[in-house]
Amino acid sequence: MGEPDGVSRRDFLKVGAVAGCAAMTMGVLGGCAEQNTAPEALVEEPEDAPKEDASAEQAAAPMIYLIDRMVVKPGKGREVHDAYLERLETVATEKGMTLEHAIVAPPIWLTDAESNNTLEFIWSFEGYGKLAAAISYGDASVTEWWRGLEESLESRDRSYFSTEADVEVLNR
């Protein structure tokens, strides 16, 4: 038997199943479920602890999350991941974007000709102003960059989210 050409989704799932069984035999994931902190009701605040100012909390701008989700063509996961971050991180600080998560599924770079990685990038913005500044409608360089990247994609989707509490603030 020679060296495998790559890792397939099926191979990854087999390894995951074996690892899951091994973890369960160790007893609740080796003690990960143990409670290491006191329950919230039992934690006492010191009397001199500063009290949170409710008005300051209400004055904070609502958070909006931009989620880019891409299913890449087989074997292109790492390439697309790196190209995306290189392009977006150069713009992020000037546009008020904060990268919250860059997620790869499954958590291994798949290299065989039949398996795809899914990439998800979650950015946060404080309010509509920063979100609007970050979205480059009509910018030819951004449009050209996306077109070039799409050659390595099966699909892509962009969504915007907020917490329910922030939706209430945004709808005022």
N, C-alpha and C. Protein backbone atom coordinates (compact mmCIF):
# COMPACT_ATOMS: atom_id res chain seq x y z
N MET A 1 0.85 -1.17 0.00
CA MET A 1 0.00 0.00 0.00
C MET A 1 0.89 1.24 0.00
N GLY A 2 0.67 2.17 -0.94
CA GLY A 2 1.49 3.37 -1.03
C GLY A 2 0.92 4.50 -0.20
N GLU A 3 1.57 5.65 -0.29
CA GLU A 3 1.11 6.85 0.41
C GLU A 3 -0.21 7.32 -0.19
N PRO A 4 -1.18 7.74 0.62
CA PRO A 4 -2.42 8.25 0.07
C PRO A 4 -2.18 9.61 -0.59
N ASP A 5 -2.98 9.89 -1.66
CA ASP A 5 -2.85 11.15 -2.38
C ASP A 5 -3.40 12.31 -1.58
N GLY A 6 -4.32 12.08 -0.70
CA GLY A 6 -4.92 13.15 0.07
C GLY A 6 -5.86 12.58 1.10
N VAL A 7 -6.51 13.47 1.80
CA VAL A 7 -7.46 13.08 2.83
C VAL A 7 -8.86 13.33 2.30
N SER A 8 -9.69 12.32 2.31
CA SER A 8 -11.06 12.49 1.84
C SER A 8 -11.97 12.76 3.03
N ARG A 9 -13.16 13.25 2.75
CA ARG A 9 -14.15 13.49 3.81
C ARG A 9 -14.47 12.19 4.52
N ARG A 10 -14.58 11.09 3.77
CA ARG A 10 -14.88 9.77 4.36
C ARG A 10 -13.77 9.37 5.32
N ASP A 11 -12.50 9.54 4.91
CA ASP A 11 -11.37 9.21 5.80
C ASP A 11 -11.42 10.06 7.07
N PHE A 12 -11.71 11.35 6.89
CA PHE A 12 -11.78 12.25 8.04
C PHE A 12 -12.87 11.80 9.02
N LEU A 13 -14.04 11.43 8.48
CA LEU A 13 -15.13 11.00 9.35
C LEU A 13 -14.80 9.70 10.08
N LYS A 14 -14.09 8.78 9.40
CA LYS A 14 -13.67 7.54 10.06
C LYS A 14 -12.77 7.84 11.26
N VAL A 15 -11.80 8.72 11.04
CA VAL A 15 -10.88 9.10 12.12
C VAL A 15 -11.66 9.76 13.26
N GLY A 16 -12.61 10.63 12.90
CA GLY A 16 -13.43 11.31 13.92
C GLY A 16 -14.24 10.33 14.74
N ALA A 17 -14.80 9.30 14.08
CA ALA A 17 -15.60 8.31 14.80
C ALA A 17 -14.74 7.52 15.78
N VAL A 18 -13.55 7.14 15.34
CA VAL A 18 -12.63 6.40 16.22
C VAL A 18 -12.21 7.28 17.39
N ALA A 19 -11.90 8.54 17.11
CA ALA A 19 -11.48 9.46 18.19
C ALA A 19 -12.62 9.68 19.17
N GLY A 20 -13.85 9.78 18.67
CA GLY A 20 -15.01 9.97 19.55
C GLY A 20 -15.21 8.79 20.47
N CYS A 21 -15.07 7.57 19.94
CA CYS A 21 -15.22 6.37 20.77
C CYS A 21 -14.12 6.32 21.82
N ALA A 22 -12.91 6.66 21.43
CA ALA A 22 -11.79 6.64 22.38
C ALA A 22 -12.02 7.65 23.50
N ALA A 23 -12.51 8.83 23.14
CA ALA A 23 -12.75 9.87 24.14
C ALA A 23 -13.82 9.43 25.12
N MET A 24 -14.86 8.78 24.64
CA MET A 24 -15.94 8.35 25.53
C MET A 24 -15.47 7.27 26.49
N THR A 25 -14.55 6.41 26.04
CA THR A 25 -14.06 5.36 26.94
C THR A 25 -13.18 5.94 28.03
N MET A 26 -12.66 7.15 27.81
CA MET A 26 -11.84 7.80 28.85
C MET A 26 -12.73 8.37 29.94
N GLY A 27 -14.03 8.44 29.71
CA GLY A 27 -14.94 8.93 30.74
C GLY A 27 -15.22 10.40 30.58
N VAL A 28 -16.32 10.72 29.99
CA VAL A 28 -16.79 12.08 29.77
C VAL A 28 -15.66 12.98 29.28
N LEU A 29 -15.07 12.55 28.18
CA LEU A 29 -14.00 13.31 27.54
C LEU A 29 -12.87 13.65 28.51
N GLY A 30 -12.49 12.70 29.26
CA GLY A 30 -11.34 12.87 30.14
C GLY A 30 -11.55 13.92 31.21
N GLY A 31 -12.79 14.10 31.68
CA GLY A 31 -13.05 15.04 32.76
C GLY A 31 -13.35 16.45 32.29
N CYS A 32 -13.53 16.65 30.99
CA CYS A 32 -13.81 18.00 30.47
C CYS A 32 -15.12 18.56 31.00
N ALA A 33 -16.04 17.68 31.38
CA ALA A 33 -17.35 18.15 31.82
C ALA A 33 -17.37 18.54 33.30
N GLU A 34 -16.26 18.37 33.98
CA GLU A 34 -16.19 18.73 35.38
C GLU A 34 -16.42 20.21 35.59
N GLN A 35 -17.11 20.56 36.66
CA GLN A 35 -17.33 21.98 36.96
C GLN A 35 -16.15 22.47 37.78
N ASN A 36 -15.42 23.46 37.22
CA ASN A 36 -14.23 23.96 37.90
C ASN A 36 -14.46 25.30 38.57
N THR A 37 -15.62 25.88 38.40
CA THR A 37 -15.91 27.17 39.02
C THR A 37 -17.19 27.05 39.83
N ALA A 38 -17.34 27.95 40.76
CA ALA A 38 -18.53 27.93 41.60
C ALA A 38 -19.74 28.35 40.77
N PRO A 39 -20.91 27.79 41.05
CA PRO A 39 -22.11 28.23 40.35
C PRO A 39 -22.31 29.72 40.57
N GLU A 40 -22.96 30.37 39.61
CA GLU A 40 -23.11 31.81 39.65
C GLU A 40 -23.78 32.30 40.93
N ALA A 41 -24.74 31.55 41.42
CA ALA A 41 -25.47 31.97 42.62
C ALA A 41 -24.57 32.00 43.84
N LEU A 42 -23.49 31.21 43.83
CA LEU A 42 -22.63 31.14 45.00
C LEU A 42 -21.48 32.13 44.95
N VAL A 43 -21.27 32.79 43.82
CA VAL A 43 -20.18 33.75 43.69
C VAL A 43 -20.66 35.09 44.24
N GLU A 44 -19.95 35.58 45.23
CA GLU A 44 -20.33 36.86 45.83
C GLU A 44 -19.45 37.96 45.29
N GLU A 45 -20.07 39.12 45.00
CA GLU A 45 -19.30 40.27 44.55
C GLU A 45 -18.80 41.01 45.78
N PRO A 46 -17.56 41.49 45.72
CA PRO A 46 -17.07 42.30 46.83
C PRO A 46 -17.91 43.58 46.95
N GLU A 47 -18.08 44.06 48.17
CA GLU A 47 -18.91 45.24 48.40
C GLU A 47 -18.37 46.47 47.69
N ASP A 48 -17.04 46.56 47.54
CA ASP A 48 -16.45 47.75 46.91
C ASP A 48 -16.31 47.60 45.39
N ALA A 49 -16.88 46.52 44.80
CA ALA A 49 -16.79 46.33 43.35
C ALA A 49 -17.60 47.41 42.64
N PRO A 50 -17.07 47.96 41.54
CA PRO A 50 -17.81 49.00 40.82
C PRO A 50 -19.08 48.44 40.21
N LYS A 51 -20.15 49.19 40.33
CA LYS A 51 -21.43 48.78 39.78
C LYS A 51 -21.46 49.16 38.31
N GLU A 52 -22.03 48.27 37.47
CA GLU A 52 -22.13 48.55 36.05
C GLU A 52 -23.13 49.66 35.81
N ASP A 53 -22.78 50.57 34.92
CA ASP A 53 -23.65 51.68 34.59
C ASP A 53 -24.57 51.26 33.44
N ALA A 54 -25.85 51.12 33.73
CA ALA A 54 -26.83 50.67 32.74
C ALA A 54 -26.93 51.64 31.58
N SER A 55 -26.79 52.94 31.82
CA SER A 55 -26.91 53.91 30.73
C SER A 55 -25.74 53.79 29.76
N ALA A 56 -24.55 53.47 30.24
CA ALA A 56 -23.39 53.30 29.37
C ALA A 56 -23.58 52.07 28.49
N GLU A 57 -24.17 51.02 29.05
CA GLU A 57 -24.41 49.80 28.30
C GLU A 57 -25.41 50.06 27.18
N GLN A 58 -26.45 50.84 27.46
CA GLN A 58 -27.46 51.14 26.46
C GLN A 58 -26.92 52.04 25.36
N ALA A 59 -25.93 52.87 25.66
CA ALA A 59 -25.39 53.82 24.69
C ALA A 59 -24.44 53.15 23.69
N ALA A 60 -23.98 51.94 23.97
CA ALA A 60 -23.06 51.26 23.06
C ALA A 60 -23.76 50.99 21.73
N ALA A 61 -22.99 51.11 20.64
CA ALA A 61 -23.55 50.85 19.32
C ALA A 61 -23.88 49.37 19.19
N PRO A 62 -24.96 49.05 18.50
CA PRO A 62 -25.32 47.64 18.32
C PRO A 62 -24.29 46.94 17.42
N MET A 63 -24.09 45.67 17.67
CA MET A 63 -23.13 44.89 16.89
C MET A 63 -23.85 44.24 15.71
N ILE A 64 -23.20 44.31 14.56
CA ILE A 64 -23.69 43.65 13.36
C ILE A 64 -22.59 42.70 12.91
N TYR A 65 -22.97 41.49 12.54
CA TYR A 65 -22.01 40.49 12.11
C TYR A 65 -22.20 40.20 10.62
N LEU A 66 -21.11 40.24 9.89
CA LEU A 66 -21.09 39.88 8.48
C LEU A 66 -20.47 38.50 8.41
N ILE A 67 -21.16 37.58 7.76
CA ILE A 67 -20.66 36.21 7.66
C ILE A 67 -20.49 35.84 6.19
N ASP A 68 -19.25 35.58 5.81
CA ASP A 68 -18.95 35.07 4.48
C ASP A 68 -18.76 33.57 4.59
N ARG A 69 -19.55 32.81 3.83
CA ARG A 69 -19.48 31.35 3.86
C ARG A 69 -19.18 30.88 2.44
N MET A 70 -18.13 30.08 2.29
CA MET A 70 -17.71 29.60 0.98
C MET A 70 -17.48 28.11 1.00
N VAL A 71 -17.99 27.43 -0.02
CA VAL A 71 -17.66 26.03 -0.24
C VAL A 71 -16.65 26.05 -1.38
N VAL A 72 -15.43 25.59 -1.09
CA VAL A 72 -14.36 25.68 -2.07
C VAL A 72 -14.30 24.43 -2.93
N LYS A 73 -13.73 24.58 -4.09
CA LYS A 73 -13.53 23.43 -4.97
C LYS A 73 -12.54 22.48 -4.30
N PRO A 74 -12.61 21.19 -4.63
CA PRO A 74 -11.71 20.21 -4.00
C PRO A 74 -10.25 20.63 -4.08
N GLY A 75 -9.58 20.51 -2.94
CA GLY A 75 -8.15 20.80 -2.85
C GLY A 75 -7.79 22.27 -2.78
N LYS A 76 -8.77 23.18 -2.73
CA LYS A 76 -8.50 24.62 -2.77
C LYS A 76 -8.71 25.31 -1.42
N GLY A 77 -9.01 24.56 -0.38
CA GLY A 77 -9.34 25.15 0.91
C GLY A 77 -8.29 26.09 1.46
N ARG A 78 -7.08 25.64 1.59
CA ARG A 78 -6.00 26.45 2.18
C ARG A 78 -5.72 27.68 1.31
N GLU A 79 -5.70 27.49 0.00
CA GLU A 79 -5.42 28.58 -0.94
C GLU A 79 -6.47 29.70 -0.83
N VAL A 80 -7.75 29.33 -0.81
CA VAL A 80 -8.82 30.33 -0.71
C VAL A 80 -8.79 30.99 0.67
N HIS A 81 -8.61 30.21 1.71
CA HIS A 81 -8.54 30.73 3.07
C HIS A 81 -7.47 31.82 3.17
N ASP A 82 -6.27 31.52 2.71
CA ASP A 82 -5.17 32.46 2.81
C ASP A 82 -5.39 33.70 1.94
N ALA A 83 -5.90 33.51 0.73
CA ALA A 83 -6.15 34.64 -0.17
C ALA A 83 -7.22 35.56 0.41
N TYR A 84 -8.26 34.99 0.98
CA TYR A 84 -9.33 35.78 1.57
C TYR A 84 -8.81 36.62 2.73
N LEU A 85 -8.09 35.97 3.65
CA LEU A 85 -7.58 36.70 4.81
C LEU A 85 -6.56 37.76 4.41
N GLU A 86 -5.72 37.46 3.45
CA GLU A 86 -4.73 38.44 3.00
C GLU A 86 -5.42 39.69 2.47
N ARG A 87 -6.46 39.50 1.66
CA ARG A 87 -7.18 40.64 1.07
C ARG A 87 -7.97 41.40 2.12
N LEU A 88 -8.72 40.68 2.97
CA LEU A 88 -9.63 41.35 3.90
C LEU A 88 -8.91 41.94 5.10
N GLU A 89 -7.85 41.31 5.58
CA GLU A 89 -7.16 41.85 6.75
C GLU A 89 -6.45 43.16 6.44
N THR A 90 -6.08 43.36 5.18
CA THR A 90 -5.45 44.64 4.83
C THR A 90 -6.44 45.79 4.90
N VAL A 91 -7.71 45.49 4.72
CA VAL A 91 -8.76 46.51 4.72
C VAL A 91 -9.41 46.67 6.09
N ALA A 92 -9.34 45.64 6.90
CA ALA A 92 -10.12 45.55 8.14
C ALA A 92 -9.94 46.72 9.09
N THR A 93 -8.73 47.08 9.41
CA THR A 93 -8.54 48.12 10.42
C THR A 93 -9.03 49.48 9.96
N GLU A 94 -8.81 49.80 8.68
CA GLU A 94 -9.27 51.11 8.20
C GLU A 94 -10.79 51.18 8.06
N LYS A 95 -11.45 50.02 7.93
CA LYS A 95 -12.90 50.00 7.76
C LYS A 95 -13.66 49.69 9.06
N GLY A 96 -12.95 49.47 10.15
CA GLY A 96 -13.62 49.19 11.42
C GLY A 96 -14.13 47.77 11.56
N MET A 97 -13.53 46.85 10.82
CA MET A 97 -13.93 45.44 10.87
C MET A 97 -13.09 44.71 11.92
N THR A 98 -13.72 43.79 12.62
CA THR A 98 -13.00 42.93 13.55
C THR A 98 -13.29 41.49 13.18
N LEU A 99 -12.24 40.71 12.90
CA LEU A 99 -12.42 39.31 12.58
C LEU A 99 -12.70 38.56 13.87
N GLU A 100 -13.89 38.01 13.98
CA GLU A 100 -14.27 37.24 15.17
C GLU A 100 -13.85 35.78 15.05
N HIS A 101 -14.08 35.19 13.87
CA HIS A 101 -13.76 33.78 13.67
C HIS A 101 -13.43 33.52 12.20
N ALA A 102 -12.49 32.63 11.96
CA ALA A 102 -12.23 32.07 10.64
C ALA A 102 -12.32 30.56 10.86
N ILE A 103 -13.38 29.95 10.34
CA ILE A 103 -13.69 28.56 10.65
C ILE A 103 -13.54 27.70 9.40
N VAL A 104 -12.96 26.51 9.57
CA VAL A 104 -12.78 25.56 8.47
C VAL A 104 -13.51 24.28 8.83
N ALA A 105 -14.34 23.79 7.90
CA ALA A 105 -15.06 22.53 8.12
C ALA A 105 -14.85 21.62 6.92
N PRO A 106 -14.61 20.36 7.14
CA PRO A 106 -14.20 19.78 8.41
C PRO A 106 -12.84 20.35 8.81
N PRO A 107 -12.45 20.17 10.04
CA PRO A 107 -11.22 20.80 10.53
C PRO A 107 -9.93 20.10 10.05
N ILE A 108 -9.81 20.01 8.74
CA ILE A 108 -8.62 19.45 8.11
C ILE A 108 -8.65 19.92 6.66
N TRP A 109 -7.50 20.21 6.07
CA TRP A 109 -7.48 20.61 4.66
C TRP A 109 -7.67 19.36 3.81
N LEU A 110 -8.80 19.29 3.12
CA LEU A 110 -9.09 18.14 2.26
C LEU A 110 -8.41 18.35 0.92
N THR A 111 -7.73 17.29 0.44
CA THR A 111 -6.93 17.43 -0.77
C THR A 111 -7.35 16.49 -1.89
N ASP A 112 -8.29 15.59 -1.64
CA ASP A 112 -8.69 14.66 -2.70
C ASP A 112 -9.64 15.35 -3.68
N ALA A 113 -9.84 14.74 -4.80
CA ALA A 113 -10.61 15.34 -5.90
C ALA A 113 -12.12 15.32 -5.69
N GLU A 114 -12.62 14.74 -4.60
CA GLU A 114 -14.06 14.66 -4.40
C GLU A 114 -14.56 15.37 -3.15
N SER A 115 -13.69 15.97 -2.38
CA SER A 115 -14.10 16.57 -1.11
C SER A 115 -13.85 18.06 -1.07
N ASN A 116 -14.77 18.77 -0.43
CA ASN A 116 -14.68 20.22 -0.34
C ASN A 116 -14.55 20.65 1.11
N ASN A 117 -13.77 21.70 1.33
CA ASN A 117 -13.79 22.38 2.62
C ASN A 117 -14.83 23.49 2.55
N THR A 118 -15.41 23.80 3.69
CA THR A 118 -16.29 24.95 3.81
C THR A 118 -15.59 25.94 4.72
N LEU A 119 -15.52 27.18 4.27
CA LEU A 119 -14.86 28.24 5.03
C LEU A 119 -15.91 29.24 5.48
N GLU A 120 -15.77 29.69 6.71
CA GLU A 120 -16.70 30.69 7.22
C GLU A 120 -15.89 31.75 7.96
N PHE A 121 -16.10 33.01 7.56
CA PHE A 121 -15.41 34.13 8.17
C PHE A 121 -16.47 35.03 8.79
N ILE A 122 -16.31 35.32 10.07
CA ILE A 122 -17.29 36.15 10.79
C ILE A 122 -16.61 37.44 11.21
N TRP A 123 -17.14 38.56 10.72
CA TRP A 123 -16.63 39.90 11.02
C TRP A 123 -17.67 40.64 11.84
N SER A 124 -17.22 41.49 12.75
CA SER A 124 -18.16 42.29 13.53
C SER A 124 -17.93 43.77 13.25
N PHE A 125 -19.02 44.53 13.39
CA PHE A 125 -19.03 45.98 13.18
C PHE A 125 -19.86 46.59 14.29
N GLU A 126 -19.46 47.74 14.77
CA GLU A 126 -20.26 48.46 15.75
C GLU A 126 -21.17 49.42 15.00
N GLY A 127 -22.40 48.99 14.76
CA GLY A 127 -23.41 49.83 14.14
C GLY A 127 -23.36 49.86 12.63
N TYR A 128 -24.41 50.46 12.06
CA TYR A 128 -24.55 50.54 10.61
C TYR A 128 -23.46 51.37 9.95
N GLY A 129 -22.99 52.41 10.62
CA GLY A 129 -21.99 53.29 10.02
C GLY A 129 -20.73 52.56 9.60
N LYS A 130 -20.18 51.76 10.49
CA LYS A 130 -18.96 51.02 10.17
C LYS A 130 -19.23 49.92 9.14
N LEU A 131 -20.41 49.30 9.22
CA LEU A 131 -20.76 48.29 8.23
C LEU A 131 -20.84 48.92 6.85
N ALA A 132 -21.52 50.05 6.74
CA ALA A 132 -21.66 50.73 5.45
C ALA A 132 -20.31 51.15 4.90
N ALA A 133 -19.40 51.59 5.77
CA ALA A 133 -18.07 52.00 5.32
C ALA A 133 -17.26 50.81 4.81
N ALA A 134 -17.54 49.62 5.33
CA ALA A 134 -16.76 48.44 4.96
C ALA A 134 -17.23 47.80 3.66
N ILE A 135 -18.48 47.99 3.32
CA ILE A 135 -19.02 47.37 2.11
C ILE A 135 -18.65 48.25 0.93
N SER A 136 -17.94 47.67 0.00
CA SER A 136 -17.41 48.46 -1.12
C SER A 136 -18.27 48.28 -2.37
N TYR A 137 -19.44 48.85 -2.38
CA TYR A 137 -20.27 48.79 -3.58
C TYR A 137 -19.64 49.65 -4.66
N GLY A 138 -19.55 49.12 -5.86
CA GLY A 138 -19.03 49.89 -6.97
C GLY A 138 -17.51 49.96 -7.04
N ASP A 139 -16.80 49.34 -6.12
CA ASP A 139 -15.34 49.35 -6.15
C ASP A 139 -14.89 48.26 -7.12
N ALA A 140 -14.35 48.66 -8.25
CA ALA A 140 -13.97 47.72 -9.30
C ALA A 140 -12.90 46.73 -8.84
N SER A 141 -11.98 47.16 -7.97
CA SER A 141 -10.92 46.25 -7.53
C SER A 141 -11.48 45.12 -6.67
N VAL A 142 -12.50 45.43 -5.86
CA VAL A 142 -13.14 44.40 -5.03
C VAL A 142 -13.90 43.43 -5.92
N THR A 143 -14.65 43.95 -6.87
CA THR A 143 -15.41 43.10 -7.80
C THR A 143 -14.46 42.18 -8.57
N GLU A 144 -13.36 42.72 -9.05
CA GLU A 144 -12.38 41.93 -9.79
C GLU A 144 -11.75 40.86 -8.90
N TRP A 145 -11.45 41.21 -7.65
CA TRP A 145 -10.85 40.25 -6.72
C TRP A 145 -11.81 39.09 -6.47
N TRP A 146 -13.10 39.38 -6.22
CA TRP A 146 -14.09 38.32 -5.99
C TRP A 146 -14.21 37.43 -7.22
N ARG A 147 -14.23 38.01 -8.41
CA ARG A 147 -14.33 37.21 -9.64
C ARG A 147 -13.16 36.25 -9.75
N GLY A 148 -11.96 36.71 -9.43
CA GLY A 148 -10.79 35.84 -9.46
C GLY A 148 -10.89 34.72 -8.43
N LEU A 149 -11.40 35.03 -7.26
CA LEU A 149 -11.53 34.04 -6.20
C LEU A 149 -12.61 33.01 -6.53
N GLU A 150 -13.66 33.43 -7.22
CA GLU A 150 -14.78 32.53 -7.53
C GLU A 150 -14.36 31.35 -8.39
N GLU A 151 -13.25 31.46 -9.10
CA GLU A 151 -12.75 30.34 -9.89
C GLU A 151 -12.41 29.14 -9.01
N SER A 152 -12.14 29.39 -7.73
CA SER A 152 -11.79 28.33 -6.78
C SER A 152 -12.95 27.94 -5.87
N LEU A 153 -14.16 28.48 -6.14
CA LEU A 153 -15.31 28.24 -5.27
C LEU A 153 -16.40 27.43 -5.95
N GLU A 154 -17.06 26.59 -5.16
CA GLU A 154 -18.29 25.93 -5.60
C GLU A 154 -19.47 26.88 -5.38
N SER A 155 -19.44 27.56 -4.22
CA SER A 155 -20.50 28.52 -3.90
C SER A 155 -20.01 29.47 -2.83
N ARG A 156 -20.72 30.59 -2.71
CA ARG A 156 -20.43 31.53 -1.63
C ARG A 156 -21.70 32.25 -1.25
N ASP A 157 -21.75 32.69 0.00
CA ASP A 157 -22.93 33.36 0.52
C ASP A 157 -22.46 34.39 1.54
N ARG A 158 -23.13 35.53 1.56
CA ARG A 158 -22.82 36.56 2.55
C ARG A 158 -24.12 36.88 3.27
N SER A 159 -24.06 36.90 4.61
CA SER A 159 -25.23 37.19 5.43
C SER A 159 -24.86 38.20 6.50
N TYR A 160 -25.87 38.88 7.03
CA TYR A 160 -25.68 39.85 8.10
C TYR A 160 -26.59 39.45 9.26
N PHE A 161 -26.05 39.51 10.49
CA PHE A 161 -26.79 39.10 11.67
C PHE A 161 -26.57 40.08 12.81
N SER A 162 -27.46 40.03 13.77
CA SER A 162 -27.34 40.76 15.02
C SER A 162 -28.06 39.97 16.10
N THR A 163 -27.76 40.27 17.35
CA THR A 163 -28.50 39.64 18.43
C THR A 163 -29.90 40.26 18.47
N GLU A 164 -30.83 39.59 19.11
CA GLU A 164 -32.20 40.11 19.21
C GLU A 164 -32.21 41.48 19.89
N ALA A 165 -31.43 41.63 20.95
CA ALA A 165 -31.40 42.91 21.66
C ALA A 165 -30.90 44.03 20.74
N ASP A 166 -29.88 43.74 19.93
CA ASP A 166 -29.37 44.75 19.01
C ASP A 166 -30.33 45.03 17.87
N VAL A 167 -31.10 44.04 17.45
CA VAL A 167 -32.12 44.27 16.42
C VAL A 167 -33.13 45.28 16.92
N GLU A 168 -33.49 45.17 18.21
CA GLU A 168 -34.45 46.12 18.78
C GLU A 168 -33.89 47.54 18.73
N VAL A 169 -32.60 47.69 19.02
CA VAL A 169 -31.97 49.01 18.97
C VAL A 169 -31.89 49.49 17.53
N LEU A 170 -31.54 48.64 16.60
CA LEU A 170 -31.40 49.01 15.20
C LEU A 170 -32.75 49.41 14.58
N ASN A 171 -33.84 48.84 15.09
CA ASN A 171 -35.16 49.14 14.55
C ASN A 171 -35.80 50.40 15.11
N ARG A 172 -35.14 51.07 16.00
CA ARG A 172 -35.71 52.30 16.59
C ARG A 172 -35.71 53.42 15.60
